[in-house]
Amino acid sequence: MADIPITTTFVTTPAMVLRSYRACSRRGYVQRVAISTGLLLLGGGLCVAGARVPDGVATGTVLVLWGAGFFLLRERSVRRQLAPYLVGERKVTVTMTDTEYRTQGPDRATSRTWTTFRSVSRVGDFWVLRVSPQLAMSLPVAALDEQQTAAFLTLLREKGLDRAASGRRASEAGAA
């Protein structure tokens, strides 16, 4: 049994909030960067070759603008959604018990039972607590000391949320 409760307090910064978003939404962010980069490269290539291809420069310019616009408009949307968290530093307290994961910030508190989460995995500097393919919460790895991290990992294994442990159990069950 994990040492319960686990309580930690940390301060978020706007840069940390954006890194947290990228950790929780990694697939969408990578797809956005890949699509934008592809459009920029294709458009740039058509502009360079445009002298030899009819309408190449015009088509290339449109693709470059779409590539840049696609990335910038989505980034603007993300920053609007995260606006309350990008104002400045915010103090957040996280408490984990045997039954729930609670957060307390300056303007709101949340509480979710462990059964709400599908998996927990480490993505860069964050623990990503996945609720659904589109919804996740994050906890900075640095917010937990060694003992808290050990207790957290034990709790995840007990709840069947440790992605690596869950994958091993599934493959062991298949081998049996």
N, C-alpha and C. Protein backbone atom coordinates (compact mmCIF):
# COMPACT_ATOMS: atom_id res chain seq x y z
N MET A 1 0.84 -1.19 0.00
CA MET A 1 0.00 0.00 0.00
C MET A 1 0.88 1.24 0.00
N ALA A 2 0.56 2.20 -0.83
CA ALA A 2 1.32 3.45 -0.93
C ALA A 2 1.12 4.27 0.34
N ASP A 3 2.14 5.11 0.63
CA ASP A 3 2.01 6.03 1.75
C ASP A 3 1.01 7.10 1.35
N ILE A 4 -0.16 7.09 1.97
CA ILE A 4 -1.26 7.99 1.60
C ILE A 4 -1.53 8.90 2.77
N PRO A 5 -1.90 10.13 2.62
CA PRO A 5 -1.98 10.88 1.36
C PRO A 5 -0.63 11.45 0.94
N ILE A 6 -0.54 11.76 -0.35
CA ILE A 6 0.63 12.42 -0.90
C ILE A 6 0.19 13.85 -1.20
N THR A 7 0.86 14.82 -0.61
CA THR A 7 0.51 16.22 -0.84
C THR A 7 1.76 16.98 -1.28
N THR A 8 1.59 17.78 -2.32
CA THR A 8 2.70 18.61 -2.81
C THR A 8 2.16 19.94 -3.29
N THR A 9 2.98 20.96 -3.19
CA THR A 9 2.62 22.29 -3.67
C THR A 9 3.72 22.76 -4.61
N PHE A 10 3.33 23.35 -5.72
CA PHE A 10 4.30 23.87 -6.68
C PHE A 10 3.74 25.14 -7.30
N VAL A 11 4.60 25.90 -7.97
CA VAL A 11 4.22 27.15 -8.61
C VAL A 11 4.33 26.97 -10.11
N THR A 12 3.25 27.29 -10.82
CA THR A 12 3.29 27.22 -12.28
C THR A 12 3.70 28.58 -12.85
N THR A 13 4.31 28.53 -14.01
CA THR A 13 4.65 29.73 -14.77
C THR A 13 3.96 29.60 -16.13
N PRO A 14 3.80 30.69 -16.86
CA PRO A 14 3.20 30.57 -18.20
C PRO A 14 3.94 29.57 -19.09
N ALA A 15 5.27 29.56 -19.03
CA ALA A 15 6.04 28.62 -19.86
C ALA A 15 5.75 27.18 -19.44
N MET A 16 5.63 26.93 -18.13
CA MET A 16 5.32 25.59 -17.65
C MET A 16 3.93 25.15 -18.11
N VAL A 17 2.98 26.08 -18.09
CA VAL A 17 1.62 25.76 -18.52
C VAL A 17 1.62 25.34 -19.99
N LEU A 18 2.35 26.05 -20.83
CA LEU A 18 2.42 25.69 -22.26
C LEU A 18 3.11 24.35 -22.45
N ARG A 19 4.19 24.07 -21.70
CA ARG A 19 4.85 22.76 -21.80
C ARG A 19 3.91 21.65 -21.32
N SER A 20 3.13 21.95 -20.30
CA SER A 20 2.16 20.98 -19.78
C SER A 20 1.11 20.66 -20.85
N TYR A 21 0.61 21.71 -21.51
CA TYR A 21 -0.36 21.50 -22.59
C TYR A 21 0.23 20.59 -23.66
N ARG A 22 1.48 20.87 -24.04
CA ARG A 22 2.11 20.08 -25.10
C ARG A 22 2.33 18.63 -24.66
N ALA A 23 2.60 18.42 -23.37
CA ALA A 23 2.75 17.05 -22.86
C ALA A 23 1.41 16.32 -22.89
N CYS A 24 0.35 17.00 -22.51
CA CYS A 24 -0.98 16.37 -22.49
C CYS A 24 -1.56 16.18 -23.88
N SER A 25 -1.20 17.06 -24.81
CA SER A 25 -1.75 17.03 -26.17
C SER A 25 -0.66 16.77 -27.19
N ARG A 26 0.26 15.92 -26.84
CA ARG A 26 1.45 15.68 -27.67
C ARG A 26 1.09 15.31 -29.11
N ARG A 27 0.17 14.37 -29.31
CA ARG A 27 -0.16 13.91 -30.66
C ARG A 27 -0.69 15.07 -31.52
N GLY A 28 -1.63 15.83 -30.99
CA GLY A 28 -2.19 16.95 -31.74
C GLY A 28 -1.16 18.02 -32.04
N TYR A 29 -0.29 18.29 -31.07
CA TYR A 29 0.74 19.31 -31.26
C TYR A 29 1.74 18.87 -32.34
N VAL A 30 2.17 17.61 -32.28
CA VAL A 30 3.12 17.10 -33.28
C VAL A 30 2.48 17.10 -34.66
N GLN A 31 1.20 16.72 -34.75
CA GLN A 31 0.52 16.73 -36.04
C GLN A 31 0.45 18.16 -36.60
N ARG A 32 0.15 19.12 -35.72
CA ARG A 32 0.06 20.52 -36.15
C ARG A 32 1.41 21.01 -36.67
N VAL A 33 2.48 20.69 -35.96
CA VAL A 33 3.82 21.10 -36.40
C VAL A 33 4.17 20.41 -37.72
N ALA A 34 3.86 19.12 -37.85
CA ALA A 34 4.18 18.39 -39.07
C ALA A 34 3.41 18.93 -40.27
N ILE A 35 2.12 19.19 -40.10
CA ILE A 35 1.31 19.72 -41.21
C ILE A 35 1.81 21.10 -41.61
N SER A 36 2.05 21.96 -40.61
CA SER A 36 2.53 23.31 -40.91
C SER A 36 3.88 23.27 -41.61
N THR A 37 4.79 22.46 -41.11
CA THR A 37 6.12 22.34 -41.71
C THR A 37 6.02 21.81 -43.14
N GLY A 38 5.17 20.80 -43.34
CA GLY A 38 4.98 20.25 -44.68
C GLY A 38 4.47 21.29 -45.66
N LEU A 39 3.47 22.06 -45.22
CA LEU A 39 2.93 23.11 -46.11
C LEU A 39 3.97 24.18 -46.40
N LEU A 40 4.75 24.56 -45.37
CA LEU A 40 5.80 25.56 -45.57
C LEU A 40 6.87 25.07 -46.55
N LEU A 41 7.30 23.83 -46.38
CA LEU A 41 8.32 23.27 -47.27
C LEU A 41 7.81 23.12 -48.70
N LEU A 42 6.59 22.59 -48.83
CA LEU A 42 6.01 22.42 -50.16
C LEU A 42 5.82 23.78 -50.83
N GLY A 43 5.29 24.73 -50.08
CA GLY A 43 5.09 26.08 -50.64
C GLY A 43 6.41 26.74 -51.00
N GLY A 44 7.40 26.60 -50.12
CA GLY A 44 8.72 27.16 -50.41
C GLY A 44 9.34 26.54 -51.64
N GLY A 45 9.19 25.22 -51.76
CA GLY A 45 9.71 24.53 -52.95
C GLY A 45 9.04 25.00 -54.22
N LEU A 46 7.72 25.19 -54.16
CA LEU A 46 7.02 25.68 -55.35
C LEU A 46 7.42 27.11 -55.69
N CYS A 47 7.67 27.92 -54.66
CA CYS A 47 8.11 29.30 -54.92
C CYS A 47 9.48 29.31 -55.60
N VAL A 48 10.38 28.45 -55.13
CA VAL A 48 11.72 28.38 -55.72
C VAL A 48 11.63 27.89 -57.17
N ALA A 49 10.78 26.89 -57.37
CA ALA A 49 10.63 26.34 -58.73
C ALA A 49 9.66 27.15 -59.56
N GLY A 50 9.04 28.14 -58.96
CA GLY A 50 7.99 28.92 -59.62
C GLY A 50 8.38 29.61 -60.89
N ALA A 51 9.65 29.91 -61.03
CA ALA A 51 10.10 30.58 -62.25
C ALA A 51 9.92 29.69 -63.46
N ARG A 52 9.94 28.37 -63.24
CA ARG A 52 9.84 27.42 -64.35
C ARG A 52 8.45 26.80 -64.49
N VAL A 53 7.61 26.96 -63.46
CA VAL A 53 6.28 26.33 -63.47
C VAL A 53 5.22 27.43 -63.50
N PRO A 54 4.26 27.34 -64.39
CA PRO A 54 3.20 28.36 -64.41
C PRO A 54 2.45 28.37 -63.07
N ASP A 55 2.21 29.53 -62.56
CA ASP A 55 1.49 29.74 -61.30
C ASP A 55 2.19 29.09 -60.10
N GLY A 56 3.44 28.70 -60.23
CA GLY A 56 4.18 28.05 -59.14
C GLY A 56 4.38 28.97 -57.95
N VAL A 57 4.73 30.24 -58.23
CA VAL A 57 4.97 31.19 -57.14
C VAL A 57 3.67 31.48 -56.40
N ALA A 58 2.59 31.65 -57.14
CA ALA A 58 1.30 31.96 -56.51
C ALA A 58 0.83 30.78 -55.65
N THR A 59 0.91 29.58 -56.19
CA THR A 59 0.51 28.38 -55.43
C THR A 59 1.42 28.19 -54.23
N GLY A 60 2.72 28.37 -54.43
CA GLY A 60 3.67 28.24 -53.33
C GLY A 60 3.40 29.24 -52.23
N THR A 61 3.10 30.47 -52.61
CA THR A 61 2.81 31.52 -51.62
C THR A 61 1.56 31.16 -50.81
N VAL A 62 0.55 30.67 -51.49
CA VAL A 62 -0.69 30.27 -50.80
C VAL A 62 -0.39 29.14 -49.81
N LEU A 63 0.39 28.16 -50.21
CA LEU A 63 0.72 27.04 -49.31
C LEU A 63 1.55 27.52 -48.11
N VAL A 64 2.48 28.43 -48.34
CA VAL A 64 3.26 28.98 -47.22
C VAL A 64 2.34 29.71 -46.25
N LEU A 65 1.44 30.51 -46.78
CA LEU A 65 0.50 31.23 -45.91
C LEU A 65 -0.42 30.27 -45.16
N TRP A 66 -0.90 29.22 -45.81
CA TRP A 66 -1.73 28.23 -45.12
C TRP A 66 -0.95 27.53 -44.02
N GLY A 67 0.30 27.18 -44.30
CA GLY A 67 1.13 26.51 -43.30
C GLY A 67 1.34 27.37 -42.07
N ALA A 68 1.71 28.63 -42.30
CA ALA A 68 1.93 29.54 -41.17
C ALA A 68 0.61 29.84 -40.46
N GLY A 69 -0.42 30.08 -41.23
CA GLY A 69 -1.73 30.39 -40.65
C GLY A 69 -2.30 29.24 -39.83
N PHE A 70 -2.15 28.03 -40.34
CA PHE A 70 -2.66 26.85 -39.63
C PHE A 70 -2.03 26.76 -38.24
N PHE A 71 -0.72 26.92 -38.19
CA PHE A 71 -0.04 26.83 -36.89
C PHE A 71 -0.41 28.00 -35.99
N LEU A 72 -0.36 29.21 -36.52
CA LEU A 72 -0.60 30.40 -35.70
C LEU A 72 -2.04 30.48 -35.19
N LEU A 73 -3.00 30.13 -36.02
CA LEU A 73 -4.40 30.18 -35.57
C LEU A 73 -4.67 29.15 -34.47
N ARG A 74 -4.11 27.97 -34.61
CA ARG A 74 -4.29 26.95 -33.57
C ARG A 74 -3.58 27.35 -32.29
N GLU A 75 -2.39 27.92 -32.41
CA GLU A 75 -1.66 28.39 -31.23
C GLU A 75 -2.44 29.50 -30.53
N ARG A 76 -3.03 30.37 -31.29
CA ARG A 76 -3.87 31.44 -30.71
C ARG A 76 -5.06 30.86 -29.96
N SER A 77 -5.68 29.85 -30.53
CA SER A 77 -6.82 29.19 -29.88
C SER A 77 -6.40 28.54 -28.56
N VAL A 78 -5.27 27.87 -28.57
CA VAL A 78 -4.77 27.22 -27.35
C VAL A 78 -4.48 28.27 -26.28
N ARG A 79 -3.83 29.35 -26.67
CA ARG A 79 -3.50 30.40 -25.70
C ARG A 79 -4.75 31.08 -25.14
N ARG A 80 -5.79 31.19 -25.95
CA ARG A 80 -7.06 31.74 -25.44
C ARG A 80 -7.67 30.81 -24.40
N GLN A 81 -7.64 29.50 -24.68
CA GLN A 81 -8.18 28.53 -23.72
C GLN A 81 -7.38 28.53 -22.42
N LEU A 82 -6.09 28.72 -22.52
CA LEU A 82 -5.21 28.69 -21.36
C LEU A 82 -5.00 30.06 -20.72
N ALA A 83 -5.64 31.09 -21.26
CA ALA A 83 -5.42 32.48 -20.82
C ALA A 83 -5.42 32.67 -19.30
N PRO A 84 -6.36 32.10 -18.55
CA PRO A 84 -6.34 32.31 -17.10
C PRO A 84 -5.08 31.78 -16.43
N TYR A 85 -4.45 30.79 -17.04
CA TYR A 85 -3.26 30.16 -16.47
C TYR A 85 -1.97 30.78 -16.97
N LEU A 86 -2.07 31.69 -17.96
CA LEU A 86 -0.90 32.31 -18.55
C LEU A 86 -0.65 33.73 -18.03
N VAL A 87 -1.44 34.15 -17.07
CA VAL A 87 -1.34 35.51 -16.55
C VAL A 87 -0.06 35.71 -15.74
N GLY A 88 0.35 34.71 -15.02
CA GLY A 88 1.55 34.81 -14.19
C GLY A 88 1.72 33.54 -13.40
N GLU A 89 2.49 33.63 -12.34
CA GLU A 89 2.72 32.45 -11.50
C GLU A 89 1.47 32.13 -10.70
N ARG A 90 1.24 30.84 -10.51
CA ARG A 90 0.08 30.36 -9.75
C ARG A 90 0.53 29.23 -8.83
N LYS A 91 0.09 29.27 -7.60
CA LYS A 91 0.42 28.23 -6.63
C LYS A 91 -0.67 27.15 -6.70
N VAL A 92 -0.22 25.90 -6.85
CA VAL A 92 -1.14 24.77 -6.97
C VAL A 92 -0.75 23.71 -5.93
N THR A 93 -1.76 23.18 -5.26
CA THR A 93 -1.55 22.09 -4.31
C THR A 93 -2.26 20.85 -4.83
N VAL A 94 -1.54 19.74 -4.86
CA VAL A 94 -2.09 18.47 -5.30
C VAL A 94 -2.08 17.52 -4.12
N THR A 95 -3.21 16.86 -3.88
CA THR A 95 -3.31 15.86 -2.83
C THR A 95 -3.84 14.58 -3.46
N MET A 96 -3.12 13.50 -3.23
CA MET A 96 -3.52 12.19 -3.73
C MET A 96 -3.83 11.29 -2.53
N THR A 97 -5.01 10.73 -2.53
CA THR A 97 -5.38 9.76 -1.50
C THR A 97 -5.59 8.43 -2.17
N ASP A 98 -5.98 7.45 -1.41
CA ASP A 98 -6.23 6.13 -1.97
C ASP A 98 -7.42 6.14 -2.93
N THR A 99 -8.31 7.13 -2.79
CA THR A 99 -9.52 7.16 -3.62
C THR A 99 -9.57 8.27 -4.65
N GLU A 100 -8.80 9.38 -4.43
CA GLU A 100 -8.95 10.50 -5.36
C GLU A 100 -7.67 11.29 -5.57
N TYR A 101 -7.71 12.11 -6.63
CA TYR A 101 -6.65 13.03 -7.01
C TYR A 101 -7.28 14.42 -6.96
N ARG A 102 -6.79 15.28 -6.05
CA ARG A 102 -7.36 16.61 -5.86
C ARG A 102 -6.33 17.69 -6.19
N THR A 103 -6.80 18.76 -6.83
CA THR A 103 -5.95 19.92 -7.07
C THR A 103 -6.65 21.15 -6.50
N GLN A 104 -5.85 22.06 -5.97
CA GLN A 104 -6.37 23.32 -5.45
C GLN A 104 -5.50 24.44 -5.98
N GLY A 105 -6.11 25.31 -6.79
CA GLY A 105 -5.41 26.47 -7.33
C GLY A 105 -6.00 27.73 -6.74
N PRO A 106 -5.52 28.88 -7.18
CA PRO A 106 -6.02 30.14 -6.61
C PRO A 106 -7.49 30.42 -6.92
N ASP A 107 -8.00 29.87 -8.02
CA ASP A 107 -9.37 30.20 -8.39
C ASP A 107 -10.29 28.99 -8.56
N ARG A 108 -9.75 27.78 -8.37
CA ARG A 108 -10.64 26.62 -8.48
C ARG A 108 -9.98 25.38 -7.91
N ALA A 109 -10.85 24.44 -7.57
CA ALA A 109 -10.39 23.15 -7.06
C ALA A 109 -11.06 22.06 -7.89
N THR A 110 -10.34 20.96 -8.10
CA THR A 110 -10.92 19.81 -8.79
C THR A 110 -10.65 18.56 -7.97
N SER A 111 -11.50 17.60 -8.16
CA SER A 111 -11.32 16.31 -7.50
C SER A 111 -11.82 15.23 -8.45
N ARG A 112 -10.99 14.23 -8.67
CA ARG A 112 -11.36 13.10 -9.53
C ARG A 112 -11.00 11.81 -8.82
N THR A 113 -11.89 10.84 -8.90
CA THR A 113 -11.56 9.54 -8.34
C THR A 113 -10.57 8.86 -9.28
N TRP A 114 -9.80 7.95 -8.75
CA TRP A 114 -8.80 7.26 -9.57
C TRP A 114 -9.45 6.46 -10.69
N THR A 115 -10.70 6.04 -10.51
CA THR A 115 -11.38 5.28 -11.57
C THR A 115 -11.67 6.14 -12.80
N THR A 116 -11.57 7.47 -12.65
CA THR A 116 -11.78 8.39 -13.77
C THR A 116 -10.64 8.30 -14.78
N PHE A 117 -9.44 7.97 -14.31
CA PHE A 117 -8.26 7.98 -15.17
C PHE A 117 -8.10 6.66 -15.92
N ARG A 118 -7.69 6.78 -17.19
CA ARG A 118 -7.43 5.59 -18.02
C ARG A 118 -6.00 5.10 -17.86
N SER A 119 -5.07 6.04 -17.76
CA SER A 119 -3.66 5.69 -17.63
C SER A 119 -2.88 6.89 -17.13
N VAL A 120 -1.68 6.62 -16.67
CA VAL A 120 -0.76 7.68 -16.26
C VAL A 120 0.60 7.33 -16.87
N SER A 121 1.22 8.29 -17.52
CA SER A 121 2.53 8.05 -18.11
C SER A 121 3.38 9.30 -17.96
N ARG A 122 4.67 9.10 -18.04
CA ARG A 122 5.58 10.24 -17.97
C ARG A 122 5.86 10.71 -19.39
N VAL A 123 5.65 12.00 -19.62
CA VAL A 123 5.92 12.62 -20.91
C VAL A 123 6.80 13.84 -20.62
N GLY A 124 8.07 13.70 -20.92
CA GLY A 124 9.01 14.79 -20.64
C GLY A 124 9.10 15.07 -19.16
N ASP A 125 8.85 16.30 -18.78
CA ASP A 125 8.94 16.72 -17.39
C ASP A 125 7.61 16.64 -16.65
N PHE A 126 6.64 15.90 -17.19
CA PHE A 126 5.32 15.83 -16.59
C PHE A 126 4.80 14.40 -16.49
N TRP A 127 4.03 14.17 -15.44
CA TRP A 127 3.20 12.97 -15.35
C TRP A 127 1.89 13.35 -16.01
N VAL A 128 1.46 12.62 -17.01
CA VAL A 128 0.20 12.90 -17.70
C VAL A 128 -0.82 11.88 -17.24
N LEU A 129 -1.86 12.39 -16.60
CA LEU A 129 -2.95 11.57 -16.09
C LEU A 129 -4.08 11.65 -17.12
N ARG A 130 -4.23 10.61 -17.92
CA ARG A 130 -5.14 10.59 -19.06
C ARG A 130 -6.54 10.19 -18.62
N VAL A 131 -7.53 11.06 -18.90
CA VAL A 131 -8.93 10.78 -18.63
C VAL A 131 -9.58 10.19 -19.87
N SER A 132 -9.26 10.75 -21.02
CA SER A 132 -9.77 10.28 -22.31
C SER A 132 -8.72 10.65 -23.36
N PRO A 133 -8.92 10.23 -24.61
CA PRO A 133 -7.94 10.61 -25.62
C PRO A 133 -7.78 12.13 -25.76
N GLN A 134 -8.83 12.89 -25.46
CA GLN A 134 -8.77 14.34 -25.61
C GLN A 134 -8.52 15.08 -24.29
N LEU A 135 -8.70 14.44 -23.16
CA LEU A 135 -8.63 15.12 -21.87
C LEU A 135 -7.58 14.49 -20.96
N ALA A 136 -6.72 15.34 -20.42
CA ALA A 136 -5.68 14.87 -19.51
C ALA A 136 -5.33 15.97 -18.52
N MET A 137 -4.73 15.57 -17.43
CA MET A 137 -4.20 16.49 -16.44
C MET A 137 -2.71 16.20 -16.34
N SER A 138 -1.96 17.19 -15.88
CA SER A 138 -0.53 16.93 -15.75
C SER A 138 -0.04 17.34 -14.37
N LEU A 139 1.03 16.70 -13.97
CA LEU A 139 1.70 16.99 -12.71
C LEU A 139 3.19 17.06 -13.01
N PRO A 140 3.84 18.19 -12.71
CA PRO A 140 5.28 18.27 -12.97
C PRO A 140 6.04 17.20 -12.18
N VAL A 141 6.94 16.51 -12.83
CA VAL A 141 7.75 15.48 -12.17
C VAL A 141 8.49 16.09 -10.99
N ALA A 142 8.99 17.32 -11.16
CA ALA A 142 9.76 17.98 -10.11
C ALA A 142 8.92 18.34 -8.88
N ALA A 143 7.60 18.26 -8.99
CA ALA A 143 6.75 18.60 -7.85
C ALA A 143 6.79 17.54 -6.76
N LEU A 144 7.24 16.33 -7.11
CA LEU A 144 7.32 15.24 -6.15
C LEU A 144 8.77 14.96 -5.78
N ASP A 145 9.04 14.77 -4.48
CA ASP A 145 10.39 14.37 -4.08
C ASP A 145 10.52 12.86 -4.29
N GLU A 146 11.66 12.29 -3.94
CA GLU A 146 11.90 10.86 -4.19
C GLU A 146 10.89 9.97 -3.49
N GLN A 147 10.62 10.25 -2.22
CA GLN A 147 9.66 9.42 -1.46
C GLN A 147 8.26 9.55 -2.03
N GLN A 148 7.87 10.78 -2.38
CA GLN A 148 6.54 10.98 -2.96
C GLN A 148 6.43 10.29 -4.31
N THR A 149 7.50 10.35 -5.10
CA THR A 149 7.48 9.68 -6.41
C THR A 149 7.33 8.17 -6.24
N ALA A 150 8.06 7.60 -5.29
CA ALA A 150 7.95 6.15 -5.03
C ALA A 150 6.54 5.80 -4.59
N ALA A 151 5.96 6.60 -3.69
CA ALA A 151 4.59 6.34 -3.23
C ALA A 151 3.59 6.51 -4.38
N PHE A 152 3.80 7.52 -5.23
CA PHE A 152 2.95 7.77 -6.39
C PHE A 152 2.98 6.59 -7.36
N LEU A 153 4.18 6.10 -7.66
CA LEU A 153 4.31 4.96 -8.57
C LEU A 153 3.67 3.70 -7.99
N THR A 154 3.81 3.50 -6.68
CA THR A 154 3.16 2.36 -6.03
C THR A 154 1.65 2.49 -6.14
N LEU A 155 1.14 3.68 -5.90
CA LEU A 155 -0.30 3.93 -6.01
C LEU A 155 -0.79 3.66 -7.43
N LEU A 156 -0.03 4.10 -8.42
CA LEU A 156 -0.42 3.86 -9.82
C LEU A 156 -0.47 2.38 -10.14
N ARG A 157 0.52 1.63 -9.66
CA ARG A 157 0.52 0.17 -9.89
C ARG A 157 -0.69 -0.47 -9.23
N GLU A 158 -0.99 -0.05 -7.99
CA GLU A 158 -2.15 -0.60 -7.28
C GLU A 158 -3.46 -0.32 -8.00
N LYS A 159 -3.54 0.87 -8.64
CA LYS A 159 -4.77 1.27 -9.34
C LYS A 159 -4.79 0.77 -10.79
N GLY A 160 -3.69 0.14 -11.23
CA GLY A 160 -3.62 -0.35 -12.60
C GLY A 160 -3.46 0.76 -13.62
N LEU A 161 -2.90 1.90 -13.20
CA LEU A 161 -2.78 3.06 -14.08
C LEU A 161 -1.39 3.27 -14.64
N ASP A 162 -0.42 2.56 -14.12
CA ASP A 162 0.95 2.70 -14.61
C ASP A 162 1.00 2.09 -16.00
N ARG A 163 1.17 2.91 -17.02
CA ARG A 163 1.11 2.44 -18.41
C ARG A 163 2.10 1.32 -18.68
N ALA A 164 3.32 1.44 -18.19
CA ALA A 164 4.33 0.40 -18.42
C ALA A 164 3.95 -0.88 -17.70
N ALA A 165 3.51 -0.77 -16.45
CA ALA A 165 3.12 -1.96 -15.68
C ALA A 165 1.88 -2.60 -16.29
N SER A 166 0.93 -1.79 -16.73
CA SER A 166 -0.29 -2.33 -17.34
C SER A 166 0.04 -3.08 -18.62
N GLY A 167 0.97 -2.53 -19.42
CA GLY A 167 1.38 -3.19 -20.66
C GLY A 167 2.06 -4.52 -20.38
N ARG A 168 2.91 -4.56 -19.34
CA ARG A 168 3.58 -5.82 -18.99
C ARG A 168 2.56 -6.86 -18.54
N ARG A 169 1.60 -6.45 -17.73
CA ARG A 169 0.60 -7.40 -17.26
C ARG A 169 -0.20 -7.96 -18.42
N ALA A 170 -0.55 -7.12 -19.38
CA ALA A 170 -1.32 -7.59 -20.53
C ALA A 170 -0.51 -8.59 -21.34
N SER A 171 0.78 -8.30 -21.55
CA SER A 171 1.59 -9.22 -22.36
C SER A 171 1.86 -10.51 -21.57
N GLU A 172 2.01 -10.43 -20.25
CA GLU A 172 2.19 -11.64 -19.45
C GLU A 172 0.94 -12.49 -19.49
N ALA A 173 -0.22 -11.86 -19.45
CA ALA A 173 -1.48 -12.61 -19.48
C ALA A 173 -1.63 -13.30 -20.83
N GLY A 174 -1.19 -12.63 -21.91
CA GLY A 174 -1.28 -13.23 -23.23
C GLY A 174 -0.34 -14.39 -23.39
N ALA A 175 0.80 -14.36 -22.70
CA ALA A 175 1.81 -15.41 -22.79
C ALA A 175 1.40 -16.63 -21.96
N ALA A 176 0.55 -16.42 -20.96
CA ALA A 176 0.16 -17.52 -20.07
C ALA A 176 -0.83 -18.45 -20.70
